């Protein structure tokens, strides 16, 4: 059993606190954890409670970062995983946060793939192979990729190829020939 010797505000912006224990260890926990469990100096805690509070604080911090990251535009599961890994979170925390984001429908690889293909059709026309390559690099699973690519018909792809050929023909038709 350990005793909490102090609870000091660590960062007012993200509302985190530093817990100091009688054995000299310090831990960062979220304000919600402090309030939820009624933490105060002099309180006795065991290692299991401490691990649980640190887990809650890590999940909360990772969720906040994930929501901020997903707030700018849609992302894939792999992109969010890589982002949270770069921020220093461990595997179980990342998986928990990804599951939460999928549960809340903030993260959906199928929807991402369909929107990516739609965007490519409108702004940067590309063939099925290039789109598939781009989506695979973004971490889209092959089965999801195949389903999404079924929305691109052979006729659409041929039409895009003809438009591209006409564009380049007009661009380069005025060049002098080789002599």
Foldseek 3Di string as FASTA:
>chain_A
DWFFADWAFDDPVQAWIWTAIPVGDIDIAHPCLCVVVVDDGGDDDDPVVVVVRNLVRLLVVLLVVLCVVLVVDAAALVVSLVVVVVVPDDDVSSVVSSVVCVVVVSHDLLVVLLVLQVCCLPPPPDDLVVSLVVSVVRPRDPVSSVVSSVVQDPVSRVVVVVVVVVVVCVVPVPDDDDD
